[in-house]
mmCIF file of all heavy atoms, coordinates in Angstrom:
data_MODEL
# 
_entry.id   MODEL 
# 
loop_
_atom_site.group_PDB 
_atom_site.id 
_atom_site.type_symbol 
_atom_site.label_atom_id 
_atom_site.label_alt_id 
_atom_site.label_comp_id 
_atom_site.label_asym_id 
_atom_site.label_entity_id 
_atom_site.label_seq_id 
_atom_site.pdbx_PDB_ins_code 
_atom_site.Cartn_x 
_atom_site.Cartn_y 
_atom_site.Cartn_z 
_atom_site.occupancy 
_atom_site.B_iso_or_equiv 
_atom_site.pdbx_formal_charge 
_atom_site.auth_seq_id 
_atom_site.auth_comp_id 
_atom_site.auth_asym_id 
_atom_site.auth_atom_id 
_atom_site.pdbx_PDB_model_num 
ATOM 1   N N   . GLY A 1 1  ? -50.864 15.293 -32.726 1.00 0.00 ? 1  GLY A N   1 
ATOM 2   C CA  . GLY A 1 1  ? -49.864 14.646 -33.567 1.00 0.00 ? 1  GLY A CA  1 
ATOM 3   C C   . GLY A 1 1  ? -49.515 13.180 -33.026 1.00 0.00 ? 1  GLY A C   1 
ATOM 4   O O   . GLY A 1 1  ? -49.842 12.874 -31.916 1.00 0.00 ? 1  GLY A O   1 
ATOM 5   N N   . ASN A 1 2  ? -48.861 12.385 -33.993 1.00 0.00 ? 2  ASN A N   1 
ATOM 6   C CA  . ASN A 1 2  ? -48.414 11.081 -33.755 1.00 0.00 ? 2  ASN A CA  1 
ATOM 7   C C   . ASN A 1 2  ? -46.916 11.119 -33.407 1.00 0.00 ? 2  ASN A C   1 
ATOM 8   O O   . ASN A 1 2  ? -46.454 10.779 -32.421 1.00 0.00 ? 2  ASN A O   1 
ATOM 9   C CB  . ASN A 1 2  ? -48.812 10.253 -34.928 1.00 0.00 ? 2  ASN A CB  1 
ATOM 10  C CG  . ASN A 1 2  ? -50.310 10.242 -35.150 1.00 0.00 ? 2  ASN A CG  1 
ATOM 11  O OD1 . ASN A 1 2  ? -51.038 9.470  -34.380 1.00 0.00 ? 2  ASN A OD1 1 
ATOM 12  N ND2 . ASN A 1 2  ? -50.842 10.906 -36.090 1.00 0.00 ? 2  ASN A ND2 1 
ATOM 13  N N   . ILE A 1 3  ? -46.244 11.444 -34.384 1.00 0.00 ? 3  ILE A N   1 
ATOM 14  C CA  . ILE A 1 3  ? -44.711 11.546 -34.460 1.00 0.00 ? 3  ILE A CA  1 
ATOM 15  C C   . ILE A 1 3  ? -44.204 12.943 -34.164 1.00 0.00 ? 3  ILE A C   1 
ATOM 16  O O   . ILE A 1 3  ? -43.546 13.318 -33.148 1.00 0.00 ? 3  ILE A O   1 
ATOM 17  C CB  . ILE A 1 3  ? -43.955 10.965 -35.587 1.00 0.00 ? 3  ILE A CB  1 
ATOM 18  C CG1 . ILE A 1 3  ? -44.246 9.463  -35.727 1.00 0.00 ? 3  ILE A CG1 1 
ATOM 19  C CG2 . ILE A 1 3  ? -42.449 11.282 -35.554 1.00 0.00 ? 3  ILE A CG2 1 
ATOM 20  C CD1 . ILE A 1 3  ? -43.641 8.710  -36.958 1.00 0.00 ? 3  ILE A CD1 1 
ATOM 21  N N   . PHE A 1 4  ? -44.749 13.906 -35.035 1.00 0.00 ? 4  PHE A N   1 
ATOM 22  C CA  . PHE A 1 4  ? -44.443 15.328 -34.868 1.00 0.00 ? 4  PHE A CA  1 
ATOM 23  C C   . PHE A 1 4  ? -45.602 15.805 -33.897 1.00 0.00 ? 4  PHE A C   1 
ATOM 24  O O   . PHE A 1 4  ? -46.616 15.914 -34.405 1.00 0.00 ? 4  PHE A O   1 
ATOM 25  C CB  . PHE A 1 4  ? -44.417 15.905 -36.248 1.00 0.00 ? 4  PHE A CB  1 
ATOM 26  C CG  . PHE A 1 4  ? -44.047 17.523 -36.053 1.00 0.00 ? 4  PHE A CG  1 
ATOM 27  C CD1 . PHE A 1 4  ? -42.795 17.946 -36.030 1.00 0.00 ? 4  PHE A CD1 1 
ATOM 28  C CD2 . PHE A 1 4  ? -44.990 18.428 -35.799 1.00 0.00 ? 4  PHE A CD2 1 
ATOM 29  C CE1 . PHE A 1 4  ? -42.426 19.217 -36.042 1.00 0.00 ? 4  PHE A CE1 1 
ATOM 30  C CE2 . PHE A 1 4  ? -44.729 19.712 -35.781 1.00 0.00 ? 4  PHE A CE2 1 
ATOM 31  C CZ  . PHE A 1 4  ? -43.437 20.215 -35.831 1.00 0.00 ? 4  PHE A CZ  1 
ATOM 32  N N   . ARG A 1 5  ? -45.286 16.014 -32.706 1.00 0.00 ? 5  ARG A N   1 
ATOM 33  C CA  . ARG A 1 5  ? -46.268 16.277 -31.612 1.00 0.00 ? 5  ARG A CA  1 
ATOM 34  C C   . ARG A 1 5  ? -46.125 17.663 -30.969 1.00 0.00 ? 5  ARG A C   1 
ATOM 35  O O   . ARG A 1 5  ? -44.999 18.087 -30.712 1.00 0.00 ? 5  ARG A O   1 
ATOM 36  C CB  . ARG A 1 5  ? -46.333 15.201 -30.565 1.00 0.00 ? 5  ARG A CB  1 
ATOM 37  C CG  . ARG A 1 5  ? -46.568 13.979 -31.073 1.00 0.00 ? 5  ARG A CG  1 
ATOM 38  C CD  . ARG A 1 5  ? -46.755 12.914 -29.876 1.00 0.00 ? 5  ARG A CD  1 
ATOM 39  N NE  . ARG A 1 5  ? -45.491 12.910 -29.060 1.00 0.00 ? 5  ARG A NE  1 
ATOM 40  C CZ  . ARG A 1 5  ? -44.411 12.134 -29.354 1.00 0.00 ? 5  ARG A CZ  1 
ATOM 41  N NH1 . ARG A 1 5  ? -44.357 11.337 -30.427 1.00 0.00 ? 5  ARG A NH1 1 
ATOM 42  N NH2 . ARG A 1 5  ? -43.343 12.255 -28.579 1.00 0.00 ? 5  ARG A NH2 1 
ATOM 43  N N   . LEU A 1 6  ? -47.264 18.292 -30.877 1.00 0.00 ? 6  LEU A N   1 
ATOM 44  C CA  . LEU A 1 6  ? -47.168 19.702 -30.147 1.00 0.00 ? 6  LEU A CA  1 
ATOM 45  C C   . LEU A 1 6  ? -48.031 19.485 -28.825 1.00 0.00 ? 6  LEU A C   1 
ATOM 46  O O   . LEU A 1 6  ? -49.288 19.080 -28.830 1.00 0.00 ? 6  LEU A O   1 
ATOM 47  C CB  . LEU A 1 6  ? -47.783 20.689 -31.002 1.00 0.00 ? 6  LEU A CB  1 
ATOM 48  C CG  . LEU A 1 6  ? -48.216 22.011 -30.231 1.00 0.00 ? 6  LEU A CG  1 
ATOM 49  C CD1 . LEU A 1 6  ? -46.973 22.708 -29.876 1.00 0.00 ? 6  LEU A CD1 1 
ATOM 50  C CD2 . LEU A 1 6  ? -49.041 22.937 -31.098 1.00 0.00 ? 6  LEU A CD2 1 
ATOM 51  N N   . THR A 1 7  ? -47.483 19.894 -27.739 1.00 0.00 ? 7  THR A N   1 
ATOM 52  C CA  . THR A 1 7  ? -48.150 20.111 -26.559 1.00 0.00 ? 7  THR A CA  1 
ATOM 53  C C   . THR A 1 7  ? -48.239 21.597 -26.117 1.00 0.00 ? 7  THR A C   1 
ATOM 54  O O   . THR A 1 7  ? -47.144 22.159 -26.045 1.00 0.00 ? 7  THR A O   1 
ATOM 55  C CB  . THR A 1 7  ? -47.602 19.281 -25.291 1.00 0.00 ? 7  THR A CB  1 
ATOM 56  O OG1 . THR A 1 7  ? -47.559 17.822 -25.722 1.00 0.00 ? 7  THR A OG1 1 
ATOM 57  C CG2 . THR A 1 7  ? -48.377 19.470 -24.035 1.00 0.00 ? 7  THR A CG2 1 
ATOM 58  N N   . SER A 1 8  ? -49.405 22.129 -26.110 1.00 0.00 ? 8  SER A N   1 
ATOM 59  C CA  . SER A 1 8  ? -49.521 23.577 -25.724 1.00 0.00 ? 8  SER A CA  1 
ATOM 60  C C   . SER A 1 8  ? -49.916 23.826 -24.298 1.00 0.00 ? 8  SER A C   1 
ATOM 61  O O   . SER A 1 8  ? -50.399 23.015 -23.719 1.00 0.00 ? 8  SER A O   1 
ATOM 62  C CB  . SER A 1 8  ? -50.554 24.223 -26.766 1.00 0.00 ? 8  SER A CB  1 
ATOM 63  O OG  . SER A 1 8  ? -51.888 23.925 -26.507 1.00 0.00 ? 8  SER A OG  1 
ATOM 64  N N   . PHE A 1 9  ? -49.628 25.054 -23.870 1.00 0.00 ? 9  PHE A N   1 
ATOM 65  C CA  . PHE A 1 9  ? -49.903 25.506 -22.527 1.00 0.00 ? 9  PHE A CA  1 
ATOM 66  C C   . PHE A 1 9  ? -50.300 26.927 -22.418 1.00 0.00 ? 9  PHE A C   1 
ATOM 67  O O   . PHE A 1 9  ? -49.920 27.666 -23.390 1.00 0.00 ? 9  PHE A O   1 
ATOM 68  C CB  . PHE A 1 9  ? -48.838 25.043 -21.495 1.00 0.00 ? 9  PHE A CB  1 
ATOM 69  C CG  . PHE A 1 9  ? -47.565 25.924 -21.698 1.00 0.00 ? 9  PHE A CG  1 
ATOM 70  C CD1 . PHE A 1 9  ? -47.336 27.041 -21.165 1.00 0.00 ? 9  PHE A CD1 1 
ATOM 71  C CD2 . PHE A 1 9  ? -46.528 25.345 -22.471 1.00 0.00 ? 9  PHE A CD2 1 
ATOM 72  C CE1 . PHE A 1 9  ? -46.194 27.855 -21.402 1.00 0.00 ? 9  PHE A CE1 1 
ATOM 73  C CE2 . PHE A 1 9  ? -45.290 26.010 -22.633 1.00 0.00 ? 9  PHE A CE2 1 
ATOM 74  C CZ  . PHE A 1 9  ? -45.146 27.344 -22.086 1.00 0.00 ? 9  PHE A CZ  1 
ATOM 75  N N   . GLY A 1 10 ? -50.935 27.357 -21.372 1.00 0.00 ? 10 GLY A N   1 
ATOM 76  C CA  . GLY A 1 10 ? -51.081 28.752 -21.073 1.00 0.00 ? 10 GLY A CA  1 
ATOM 77  C C   . GLY A 1 10 ? -52.517 29.183 -21.366 1.00 0.00 ? 10 GLY A C   1 
ATOM 78  O O   . GLY A 1 10 ? -53.270 28.481 -22.176 1.00 0.00 ? 10 GLY A O   1 
ATOM 79  N N   . GLU A 1 11 ? -52.796 30.361 -20.720 1.00 0.00 ? 11 GLU A N   1 
ATOM 80  C CA  . GLU A 1 11 ? -54.048 30.844 -20.970 1.00 0.00 ? 11 GLU A CA  1 
ATOM 81  C C   . GLU A 1 11 ? -53.991 32.319 -21.467 1.00 0.00 ? 11 GLU A C   1 
ATOM 82  O O   . GLU A 1 11 ? -52.839 33.001 -21.254 1.00 0.00 ? 11 GLU A O   1 
ATOM 83  C CB  . GLU A 1 11 ? -54.891 30.930 -19.663 1.00 0.00 ? 11 GLU A CB  1 
ATOM 84  C CG  . GLU A 1 11 ? -55.285 29.707 -18.941 1.00 0.00 ? 11 GLU A CG  1 
ATOM 85  C CD  . GLU A 1 11 ? -54.001 29.176 -18.212 1.00 0.00 ? 11 GLU A CD  1 
ATOM 86  O OE1 . GLU A 1 11 ? -53.337 29.890 -17.519 1.00 0.00 ? 11 GLU A OE1 1 
ATOM 87  O OE2 . GLU A 1 11 ? -53.747 27.849 -18.253 1.00 0.00 ? 11 GLU A OE2 1 
ATOM 88  N N   . SER A 1 12 ? -55.049 33.006 -21.986 1.00 0.00 ? 12 SER A N   1 
ATOM 89  C CA  . SER A 1 12 ? -54.979 34.328 -22.517 1.00 0.00 ? 12 SER A CA  1 
ATOM 90  C C   . SER A 1 12 ? -54.601 35.328 -21.520 1.00 0.00 ? 12 SER A C   1 
ATOM 91  O O   . SER A 1 12 ? -53.966 36.367 -21.944 1.00 0.00 ? 12 SER A O   1 
ATOM 92  C CB  . SER A 1 12 ? -56.270 34.697 -23.258 1.00 0.00 ? 12 SER A CB  1 
ATOM 93  O OG  . SER A 1 12 ? -57.222 34.621 -22.338 1.00 0.00 ? 12 SER A OG  1 
ATOM 94  N N   . HIS A 1 13 ? -54.942 35.232 -20.361 1.00 0.00 ? 13 HIS A N   1 
ATOM 95  C CA  . HIS A 1 13 ? -54.751 36.190 -19.360 1.00 0.00 ? 13 HIS A CA  1 
ATOM 96  C C   . HIS A 1 13 ? -53.682 35.800 -18.282 1.00 0.00 ? 13 HIS A C   1 
ATOM 97  O O   . HIS A 1 13 ? -53.672 36.241 -17.161 1.00 0.00 ? 13 HIS A O   1 
ATOM 98  C CB  . HIS A 1 13 ? -56.043 36.688 -18.596 1.00 0.00 ? 13 HIS A CB  1 
ATOM 99  C CG  . HIS A 1 13 ? -56.774 37.680 -19.528 1.00 0.00 ? 13 HIS A CG  1 
ATOM 100 N ND1 . HIS A 1 13 ? -56.904 39.042 -19.261 1.00 0.00 ? 13 HIS A ND1 1 
ATOM 101 C CD2 . HIS A 1 13 ? -57.265 37.462 -20.828 1.00 0.00 ? 13 HIS A CD2 1 
ATOM 102 C CE1 . HIS A 1 13 ? -57.573 39.482 -20.247 1.00 0.00 ? 13 HIS A CE1 1 
ATOM 103 N NE2 . HIS A 1 13 ? -57.812 38.618 -21.208 1.00 0.00 ? 13 HIS A NE2 1 
ATOM 104 N N   . GLY A 1 14 ? -52.933 34.667 -18.616 1.00 0.00 ? 14 GLY A N   1 
ATOM 105 C CA  . GLY A 1 14 ? -51.801 34.190 -17.694 1.00 0.00 ? 14 GLY A CA  1 
ATOM 106 C C   . GLY A 1 14 ? -50.611 34.834 -18.065 1.00 0.00 ? 14 GLY A C   1 
ATOM 107 O O   . GLY A 1 14 ? -50.535 35.825 -18.851 1.00 0.00 ? 14 GLY A O   1 
ATOM 108 N N   . GLN A 1 15 ? -49.383 34.317 -17.524 1.00 0.00 ? 15 GLN A N   1 
ATOM 109 C CA  . GLN A 1 15 ? -48.234 34.980 -17.742 1.00 0.00 ? 15 GLN A CA  1 
ATOM 110 C C   . GLN A 1 15 ? -47.792 34.782 -19.141 1.00 0.00 ? 15 GLN A C   1 
ATOM 111 O O   . GLN A 1 15 ? -47.153 35.834 -19.815 1.00 0.00 ? 15 GLN A O   1 
ATOM 112 C CB  . GLN A 1 15 ? -47.187 34.474 -16.682 1.00 0.00 ? 15 GLN A CB  1 
ATOM 113 C CG  . GLN A 1 15 ? -45.833 35.174 -16.903 1.00 0.00 ? 15 GLN A CG  1 
ATOM 114 C CD  . GLN A 1 15 ? -44.780 34.785 -15.820 1.00 0.00 ? 15 GLN A CD  1 
ATOM 115 O OE1 . GLN A 1 15 ? -45.307 34.179 -14.741 1.00 0.00 ? 15 GLN A OE1 1 
ATOM 116 N NE2 . GLN A 1 15 ? -43.504 35.033 -16.039 1.00 0.00 ? 15 GLN A NE2 1 
ATOM 117 N N   . ALA A 1 16 ? -48.012 33.640 -19.756 1.00 0.00 ? 16 ALA A N   1 
ATOM 118 C CA  . ALA A 1 16 ? -47.453 33.275 -21.190 1.00 0.00 ? 16 ALA A CA  1 
ATOM 119 C C   . ALA A 1 16 ? -48.355 32.139 -21.642 1.00 0.00 ? 16 ALA A C   1 
ATOM 120 O O   . ALA A 1 16 ? -48.885 31.464 -20.952 1.00 0.00 ? 16 ALA A O   1 
ATOM 121 C CB  . ALA A 1 16 ? -46.060 32.928 -21.064 1.00 0.00 ? 16 ALA A CB  1 
ATOM 122 N N   . VAL A 1 17 ? -48.198 31.899 -22.955 1.00 0.00 ? 17 VAL A N   1 
ATOM 123 C CA  . VAL A 1 17 ? -48.563 30.753 -23.749 1.00 0.00 ? 17 VAL A CA  1 
ATOM 124 C C   . VAL A 1 17 ? -47.418 30.150 -24.399 1.00 0.00 ? 17 VAL A C   1 
ATOM 125 O O   . VAL A 1 17 ? -46.439 30.872 -24.631 1.00 0.00 ? 17 VAL A O   1 
ATOM 126 C CB  . VAL A 1 17 ? -49.668 31.124 -24.795 1.00 0.00 ? 17 VAL A CB  1 
ATOM 127 C CG1 . VAL A 1 17 ? -50.981 31.587 -23.875 1.00 0.00 ? 17 VAL A CG1 1 
ATOM 128 C CG2 . VAL A 1 17 ? -49.405 32.155 -25.774 1.00 0.00 ? 17 VAL A CG2 1 
ATOM 129 N N   . GLY A 1 18 ? -47.473 29.017 -24.737 1.00 0.00 ? 18 GLY A N   1 
ATOM 130 C CA  . GLY A 1 18 ? -46.338 28.363 -25.334 1.00 0.00 ? 18 GLY A CA  1 
ATOM 131 C C   . GLY A 1 18 ? -46.462 26.885 -25.623 1.00 0.00 ? 18 GLY A C   1 
ATOM 132 O O   . GLY A 1 18 ? -47.801 26.375 -25.623 1.00 0.00 ? 18 GLY A O   1 
ATOM 133 N N   . GLY A 1 19 ? -45.538 26.198 -25.743 1.00 0.00 ? 19 GLY A N   1 
ATOM 134 C CA  . GLY A 1 19 ? -45.642 24.653 -26.144 1.00 0.00 ? 19 GLY A CA  1 
ATOM 135 C C   . GLY A 1 19 ? -44.345 23.893 -26.221 1.00 0.00 ? 19 GLY A C   1 
ATOM 136 O O   . GLY A 1 19 ? -43.183 24.571 -25.929 1.00 0.00 ? 19 GLY A O   1 
ATOM 137 N N   . ILE A 1 20 ? -44.445 22.622 -26.321 1.00 0.00 ? 20 ILE A N   1 
ATOM 138 C CA  . ILE A 1 20 ? -43.299 21.782 -26.516 1.00 0.00 ? 20 ILE A CA  1 
ATOM 139 C C   . ILE A 1 20 ? -43.452 20.915 -27.691 1.00 0.00 ? 20 ILE A C   1 
ATOM 140 O O   . ILE A 1 20 ? -44.513 20.360 -27.886 1.00 0.00 ? 20 ILE A O   1 
ATOM 141 C CB  . ILE A 1 20 ? -43.136 20.880 -25.238 1.00 0.00 ? 20 ILE A CB  1 
ATOM 142 C CG1 . ILE A 1 20 ? -42.916 21.607 -23.965 1.00 0.00 ? 20 ILE A CG1 1 
ATOM 143 C CG2 . ILE A 1 20 ? -42.064 19.886 -25.584 1.00 0.00 ? 20 ILE A CG2 1 
ATOM 144 C CD1 . ILE A 1 20 ? -42.929 20.842 -22.795 1.00 0.00 ? 20 ILE A CD1 1 
ATOM 145 N N   . ILE A 1 21 ? -42.556 20.978 -28.654 1.00 0.00 ? 21 ILE A N   1 
ATOM 146 C CA  . ILE A 1 21 ? -42.676 20.310 -29.809 1.00 0.00 ? 21 ILE A CA  1 
ATOM 147 C C   . ILE A 1 21 ? -41.721 19.045 -29.695 1.00 0.00 ? 21 ILE A C   1 
ATOM 148 O O   . ILE A 1 21 ? -40.513 19.112 -29.391 1.00 0.00 ? 21 ILE A O   1 
ATOM 149 C CB  . ILE A 1 21 ? -42.096 20.984 -31.127 1.00 0.00 ? 21 ILE A CB  1 
ATOM 150 C CG1 . ILE A 1 21 ? -42.874 22.288 -31.266 1.00 0.00 ? 21 ILE A CG1 1 
ATOM 151 C CG2 . ILE A 1 21 ? -42.164 20.208 -32.442 1.00 0.00 ? 21 ILE A CG2 1 
ATOM 152 C CD1 . ILE A 1 21 ? -42.227 23.328 -32.246 1.00 0.00 ? 21 ILE A CD1 1 
ATOM 153 N N   . ASP A 1 22 ? -42.379 17.963 -29.772 1.00 0.00 ? 22 ASP A N   1 
ATOM 154 C CA  . ASP A 1 22 ? -41.577 16.588 -29.606 1.00 0.00 ? 22 ASP A CA  1 
ATOM 155 C C   . ASP A 1 22 ? -41.587 15.920 -31.012 1.00 0.00 ? 22 ASP A C   1 
ATOM 156 O O   . ASP A 1 22 ? -42.649 15.953 -31.713 1.00 0.00 ? 22 ASP A O   1 
ATOM 157 C CB  . ASP A 1 22 ? -42.162 15.785 -28.507 1.00 0.00 ? 22 ASP A CB  1 
ATOM 158 C CG  . ASP A 1 22 ? -41.258 14.741 -27.927 1.00 0.00 ? 22 ASP A CG  1 
ATOM 159 O OD1 . ASP A 1 22 ? -40.062 14.751 -28.440 1.00 0.00 ? 22 ASP A OD1 1 
ATOM 160 O OD2 . ASP A 1 22 ? -41.553 13.958 -27.011 1.00 0.00 ? 22 ASP A OD2 1 
ATOM 161 N N   . GLY A 1 23 ? -40.725 15.086 -31.295 1.00 0.00 ? 23 GLY A N   1 
ATOM 162 C CA  . GLY A 1 23 ? -40.509 14.229 -32.435 1.00 0.00 ? 23 GLY A CA  1 
ATOM 163 C C   . GLY A 1 23 ? -40.061 14.995 -33.686 1.00 0.00 ? 23 GLY A C   1 
ATOM 164 O O   . GLY A 1 23 ? -40.218 14.552 -34.788 1.00 0.00 ? 23 GLY A O   1 
ATOM 165 N N   . CYS A 1 24 ? -39.589 16.324 -33.487 1.00 0.00 ? 24 CYS A N   1 
ATOM 166 C CA  . CYS A 1 24 ? -39.195 17.067 -34.558 1.00 0.00 ? 24 CYS A CA  1 
ATOM 167 C C   . CYS A 1 24 ? -37.728 16.531 -35.129 1.00 0.00 ? 24 CYS A C   1 
ATOM 168 O O   . CYS A 1 24 ? -36.811 16.324 -34.207 1.00 0.00 ? 24 CYS A O   1 
ATOM 169 C CB  . CYS A 1 24 ? -39.008 18.580 -34.211 1.00 0.00 ? 24 CYS A CB  1 
ATOM 170 S SG  . CYS A 1 24 ? -38.459 19.636 -35.497 1.00 0.00 ? 24 CYS A SG  1 
ATOM 171 N N   . PRO A 1 25 ? -37.580 16.245 -36.335 1.00 0.00 ? 25 PRO A N   1 
ATOM 172 C CA  . PRO A 1 25 ? -36.416 15.767 -36.945 1.00 0.00 ? 25 PRO A CA  1 
ATOM 173 C C   . PRO A 1 25 ? -35.189 16.715 -36.594 1.00 0.00 ? 25 PRO A C   1 
ATOM 174 O O   . PRO A 1 25 ? -35.381 17.985 -36.518 1.00 0.00 ? 25 PRO A O   1 
ATOM 175 C CB  . PRO A 1 25 ? -36.624 15.582 -38.471 1.00 0.00 ? 25 PRO A CB  1 
ATOM 176 C CG  . PRO A 1 25 ? -38.095 15.627 -38.517 1.00 0.00 ? 25 PRO A CG  1 
ATOM 177 C CD  . PRO A 1 25 ? -38.596 16.446 -37.382 1.00 0.00 ? 25 PRO A CD  1 
ATOM 178 N N   . PRO A 1 26 ? -33.987 16.178 -36.385 1.00 0.00 ? 26 PRO A N   1 
ATOM 179 C CA  . PRO A 1 26 ? -32.882 17.063 -36.168 1.00 0.00 ? 26 PRO A CA  1 
ATOM 180 C C   . PRO A 1 26 ? -32.272 17.665 -37.366 1.00 0.00 ? 26 PRO A C   1 
ATOM 181 O O   . PRO A 1 26 ? -32.673 17.129 -38.601 1.00 0.00 ? 26 PRO A O   1 
ATOM 182 C CB  . PRO A 1 26 ? -31.808 16.095 -35.612 1.00 0.00 ? 26 PRO A CB  1 
ATOM 183 C CG  . PRO A 1 26 ? -32.164 14.755 -36.222 1.00 0.00 ? 26 PRO A CG  1 
ATOM 184 C CD  . PRO A 1 26 ? -33.662 14.642 -36.331 1.00 0.00 ? 26 PRO A CD  1 
ATOM 185 N N   . GLY A 1 27 ? -31.482 18.717 -37.421 1.00 0.00 ? 27 GLY A N   1 
ATOM 186 C CA  . GLY A 1 27 ? -30.934 19.269 -38.550 1.00 0.00 ? 27 GLY A CA  1 
ATOM 187 C C   . GLY A 1 27 ? -31.623 20.301 -39.246 1.00 0.00 ? 27 GLY A C   1 
ATOM 188 O O   . GLY A 1 27 ? -31.168 20.829 -40.375 1.00 0.00 ? 27 GLY A O   1 
ATOM 189 N N   . ILE A 1 28 ? -32.904 20.758 -38.828 1.00 0.00 ? 28 ILE A N   1 
ATOM 190 C CA  . ILE A 1 28 ? -33.630 21.742 -39.574 1.00 0.00 ? 28 ILE A CA  1 
ATOM 191 C C   . ILE A 1 28 ? -32.954 23.059 -39.250 1.00 0.00 ? 28 ILE A C   1 
ATOM 192 O O   . ILE A 1 28 ? -32.819 23.439 -38.068 1.00 0.00 ? 28 ILE A O   1 
ATOM 193 C CB  . ILE A 1 28 ? -35.117 21.683 -39.150 1.00 0.00 ? 28 ILE A CB  1 
ATOM 194 C CG1 . ILE A 1 28 ? -35.730 20.288 -39.452 1.00 0.00 ? 28 ILE A CG1 1 
ATOM 195 C CG2 . ILE A 1 28 ? -35.967 22.791 -39.805 1.00 0.00 ? 28 ILE A CG2 1 
ATOM 196 C CD1 . ILE A 1 28 ? -37.153 20.154 -38.861 1.00 0.00 ? 28 ILE A CD1 1 
ATOM 197 N N   . GLU A 1 29 ? -32.748 23.874 -40.257 1.00 0.00 ? 29 GLU A N   1 
ATOM 198 C CA  . GLU A 1 29 ? -32.279 25.121 -40.073 1.00 0.00 ? 29 GLU A CA  1 
ATOM 199 C C   . GLU A 1 29 ? -33.425 26.071 -39.620 1.00 0.00 ? 29 GLU A C   1 
ATOM 200 O O   . GLU A 1 29 ? -34.522 26.195 -40.265 1.00 0.00 ? 29 GLU A O   1 
ATOM 201 C CB  . GLU A 1 29 ? -31.767 25.770 -41.494 1.00 0.00 ? 29 GLU A CB  1 
ATOM 202 C CG  . GLU A 1 29 ? -30.503 25.094 -42.061 1.00 0.00 ? 29 GLU A CG  1 
ATOM 203 C CD  . GLU A 1 29 ? -29.268 25.641 -41.466 1.00 0.00 ? 29 GLU A CD  1 
ATOM 204 O OE1 . GLU A 1 29 ? -29.331 26.653 -40.648 1.00 0.00 ? 29 GLU A OE1 1 
ATOM 205 O OE2 . GLU A 1 29 ? -28.208 25.141 -41.796 1.00 0.00 ? 29 GLU A OE2 1 
ATOM 206 N N   . MET A 1 30 ? -33.301 26.653 -38.350 1.00 0.00 ? 30 MET A N   1 
ATOM 207 C CA  . MET A 1 30 ? -34.309 27.384 -37.751 1.00 0.00 ? 30 MET A CA  1 
ATOM 208 C C   . MET A 1 30 ? -34.262 28.828 -38.208 1.00 0.00 ? 30 MET A C   1 
ATOM 209 O O   . MET A 1 30 ? -33.438 29.626 -37.676 1.00 0.00 ? 30 MET A O   1 
ATOM 210 C CB  . MET A 1 30 ? -34.236 27.306 -36.315 1.00 0.00 ? 30 MET A CB  1 
ATOM 211 C CG  . MET A 1 30 ? -34.669 25.843 -35.672 1.00 0.00 ? 30 MET A CG  1 
ATOM 212 S SD  . MET A 1 30 ? -36.333 25.502 -35.935 1.00 0.00 ? 30 MET A SD  1 
ATOM 213 C CE  . MET A 1 30 ? -36.950 26.317 -34.480 1.00 0.00 ? 30 MET A CE  1 
ATOM 214 N N   . ASP A 1 31 ? -35.016 29.225 -39.128 1.00 0.00 ? 31 ASP A N   1 
ATOM 215 C CA  . ASP A 1 31 ? -35.149 30.600 -39.682 1.00 0.00 ? 31 ASP A CA  1 
ATOM 216 C C   . ASP A 1 31 ? -36.038 31.379 -38.724 1.00 0.00 ? 31 ASP A C   1 
ATOM 217 O O   . ASP A 1 31 ? -37.298 31.360 -38.956 1.00 0.00 ? 31 ASP A O   1 
ATOM 218 C CB  . ASP A 1 31 ? -35.766 30.478 -41.087 1.00 0.00 ? 31 ASP A CB  1 
ATOM 219 C CG  . ASP A 1 31 ? -35.826 31.962 -41.779 1.00 0.00 ? 31 ASP A CG  1 
ATOM 220 O OD1 . ASP A 1 31 ? -35.759 32.783 -41.096 1.00 0.00 ? 31 ASP A OD1 1 
ATOM 221 O OD2 . ASP A 1 31 ? -35.932 31.985 -42.981 1.00 0.00 ? 31 ASP A OD2 1 
# 
């Protein structure tokens, strides 16, 4: 991504997988 960016991490047989979302606009209702 450029402004809305995802950085992912983790492996299938590691402890966890996940990510960091940067550039997400504020005020979004998180359903």
